[in-house]
N, C-alpha and C. Protein backbone atom coordinates (compact mmCIF):
# COMPACT_ATOMS: atom_id res chain seq x y z
N MET A 1 -38.12 -121.11 176.57
CA MET A 1 -39.48 -120.88 177.19
C MET A 1 -39.39 -119.92 178.30
N VAL A 2 -40.22 -119.01 178.54
CA VAL A 2 -40.13 -118.02 179.52
C VAL A 2 -41.49 -117.98 180.23
N TYR A 3 -41.50 -118.10 181.59
CA TYR A 3 -42.67 -117.76 182.33
C TYR A 3 -42.39 -116.58 183.24
N THR A 4 -43.35 -115.53 183.18
CA THR A 4 -43.30 -114.45 184.08
C THR A 4 -44.26 -114.56 185.06
N ILE A 5 -43.83 -114.40 186.36
CA ILE A 5 -44.78 -114.65 187.52
C ILE A 5 -44.82 -113.21 188.20
N LYS A 6 -46.10 -112.83 188.64
CA LYS A 6 -46.29 -111.61 189.36
C LYS A 6 -46.94 -111.95 190.60
N ASN A 7 -46.82 -111.12 191.68
CA ASN A 7 -47.46 -111.29 192.98
C ASN A 7 -49.00 -111.08 192.76
N GLN A 8 -49.73 -111.71 193.77
CA GLN A 8 -51.19 -111.62 193.75
C GLN A 8 -51.71 -111.85 195.03
N CYS A 9 -52.82 -111.31 195.39
CA CYS A 9 -53.42 -111.42 196.83
C CYS A 9 -53.98 -112.80 196.86
N ILE A 10 -53.70 -113.60 197.83
CA ILE A 10 -54.19 -114.93 198.10
C ILE A 10 -55.76 -114.85 198.39
N GLU A 11 -56.12 -113.97 199.19
CA GLU A 11 -57.58 -113.96 199.68
C GLU A 11 -58.43 -113.58 198.54
N ASP A 12 -57.91 -112.74 197.59
CA ASP A 12 -58.83 -112.32 196.48
C ASP A 12 -57.95 -112.30 195.19
N ASN A 13 -57.95 -113.42 194.43
CA ASN A 13 -57.02 -113.54 193.25
C ASN A 13 -57.34 -112.49 192.18
N THR A 14 -58.44 -111.69 192.24
CA THR A 14 -58.64 -110.68 191.29
C THR A 14 -57.81 -109.43 191.64
N VAL A 15 -57.20 -109.30 192.79
CA VAL A 15 -56.39 -108.17 193.26
C VAL A 15 -55.02 -108.50 192.99
N SER A 16 -54.33 -107.74 192.07
CA SER A 16 -52.94 -107.85 191.87
C SER A 16 -52.09 -106.91 192.76
N TYR A 17 -50.99 -107.44 193.20
CA TYR A 17 -50.16 -106.66 194.03
C TYR A 17 -48.99 -106.13 193.19
N GLU A 18 -49.22 -104.82 192.75
CA GLU A 18 -48.28 -104.07 191.90
C GLU A 18 -47.07 -103.51 192.58
N ASP A 19 -46.10 -104.23 192.97
CA ASP A 19 -44.91 -103.74 193.57
C ASP A 19 -43.72 -103.63 192.63
N GLY A 20 -44.08 -103.99 191.26
CA GLY A 20 -43.06 -103.88 190.32
C GLY A 20 -42.11 -105.21 190.13
N ALA A 21 -42.24 -106.03 191.08
CA ALA A 21 -41.42 -107.20 191.19
C ALA A 21 -42.02 -108.25 190.09
N ALA A 22 -41.17 -108.97 189.47
CA ALA A 22 -41.53 -110.06 188.59
C ALA A 22 -40.44 -111.13 188.58
N LYS A 23 -40.87 -112.33 188.54
CA LYS A 23 -39.84 -113.45 188.63
C LYS A 23 -39.93 -114.12 187.20
N LEU A 24 -38.80 -114.39 186.67
CA LEU A 24 -38.74 -115.04 185.37
C LEU A 24 -38.09 -116.38 185.52
N PHE A 25 -38.71 -117.39 184.89
CA PHE A 25 -38.20 -118.76 184.92
C PHE A 25 -37.82 -119.04 183.46
N LEU A 26 -36.58 -119.27 183.28
CA LEU A 26 -36.12 -119.40 181.89
C LEU A 26 -35.66 -120.86 181.72
N TYR A 27 -36.12 -121.52 180.66
CA TYR A 27 -35.78 -122.90 180.29
C TYR A 27 -34.98 -122.95 179.01
N THR A 28 -33.76 -123.33 179.14
CA THR A 28 -32.78 -123.34 178.08
C THR A 28 -33.22 -124.31 177.01
N LYS A 29 -33.90 -125.41 177.37
CA LYS A 29 -34.34 -126.39 176.42
C LYS A 29 -35.88 -126.34 176.09
N GLY A 30 -36.46 -125.26 176.35
CA GLY A 30 -37.90 -125.11 176.08
C GLY A 30 -38.16 -124.97 174.60
N THR A 31 -39.36 -125.30 174.12
CA THR A 31 -39.78 -125.39 172.76
C THR A 31 -41.00 -124.45 172.56
N GLU A 32 -41.61 -124.00 173.48
CA GLU A 32 -42.78 -123.19 173.54
C GLU A 32 -42.58 -121.74 173.28
N GLY A 33 -43.36 -120.96 172.65
CA GLY A 33 -43.35 -119.46 172.54
C GLY A 33 -42.46 -119.05 171.48
N LYS A 34 -42.36 -117.78 171.45
CA LYS A 34 -41.45 -117.13 170.35
C LYS A 34 -40.56 -116.07 171.00
N PRO A 35 -39.54 -116.51 171.60
CA PRO A 35 -38.61 -115.66 172.38
C PRO A 35 -37.86 -114.73 171.25
N SER A 36 -37.39 -113.61 171.65
CA SER A 36 -36.49 -112.74 170.88
C SER A 36 -35.09 -113.45 170.59
N GLN A 37 -34.50 -113.02 169.55
CA GLN A 37 -33.14 -113.56 169.21
C GLN A 37 -32.21 -113.37 170.37
N ASN A 38 -32.32 -112.13 171.03
CA ASN A 38 -31.43 -111.77 172.22
C ASN A 38 -31.62 -112.75 173.29
N LEU A 39 -32.87 -113.09 173.57
CA LEU A 39 -33.17 -114.12 174.71
C LEU A 39 -32.63 -115.51 174.25
N ILE A 40 -32.80 -115.98 172.97
CA ILE A 40 -32.36 -117.18 172.59
C ILE A 40 -30.77 -117.23 172.87
N ASP A 41 -30.06 -116.08 172.40
CA ASP A 41 -28.63 -116.08 172.51
C ASP A 41 -28.30 -116.22 173.98
N MET A 42 -28.95 -115.46 174.86
CA MET A 42 -28.52 -115.54 176.17
C MET A 42 -28.80 -116.87 176.85
N LEU A 43 -29.93 -117.54 176.43
CA LEU A 43 -30.14 -118.91 176.96
C LEU A 43 -29.14 -119.95 176.45
N LYS A 44 -28.64 -119.76 175.25
CA LYS A 44 -27.53 -120.56 174.70
C LYS A 44 -26.24 -120.38 175.52
N TYR A 45 -26.04 -119.11 175.73
CA TYR A 45 -24.83 -118.80 176.63
C TYR A 45 -24.89 -119.43 178.00
N ILE A 46 -26.05 -119.32 178.59
CA ILE A 46 -26.20 -119.82 179.93
C ILE A 46 -26.06 -121.37 179.99
N GLU A 47 -26.75 -121.96 178.94
CA GLU A 47 -26.48 -123.35 178.79
C GLU A 47 -25.10 -123.83 178.56
N LYS A 48 -24.28 -123.18 177.75
CA LYS A 48 -22.95 -123.51 177.52
C LYS A 48 -22.13 -123.19 178.63
N SER A 49 -22.37 -122.20 179.53
CA SER A 49 -21.48 -121.71 180.58
C SER A 49 -21.49 -122.83 181.79
N GLY A 50 -22.53 -123.73 181.72
CA GLY A 50 -22.74 -124.82 182.71
C GLY A 50 -22.03 -126.06 182.29
N GLU A 51 -21.54 -126.08 181.05
CA GLU A 51 -20.70 -127.32 180.64
C GLU A 51 -19.41 -127.12 181.08
N GLY A 52 -18.71 -128.28 181.24
CA GLY A 52 -17.28 -128.25 181.40
C GLY A 52 -16.71 -128.27 182.64
């Protein structure tokens, strides 16, 4: 599962702050969405690298 978060103006939530920055939250055990095979492979790698 992936969530992409972008900045937004607090005082007026219709105004986006386009600085090009994005934050990604990746869940290795997520079940929602349809991630690409490359992302699936990377998440499996991340999960396995934390073992042991």
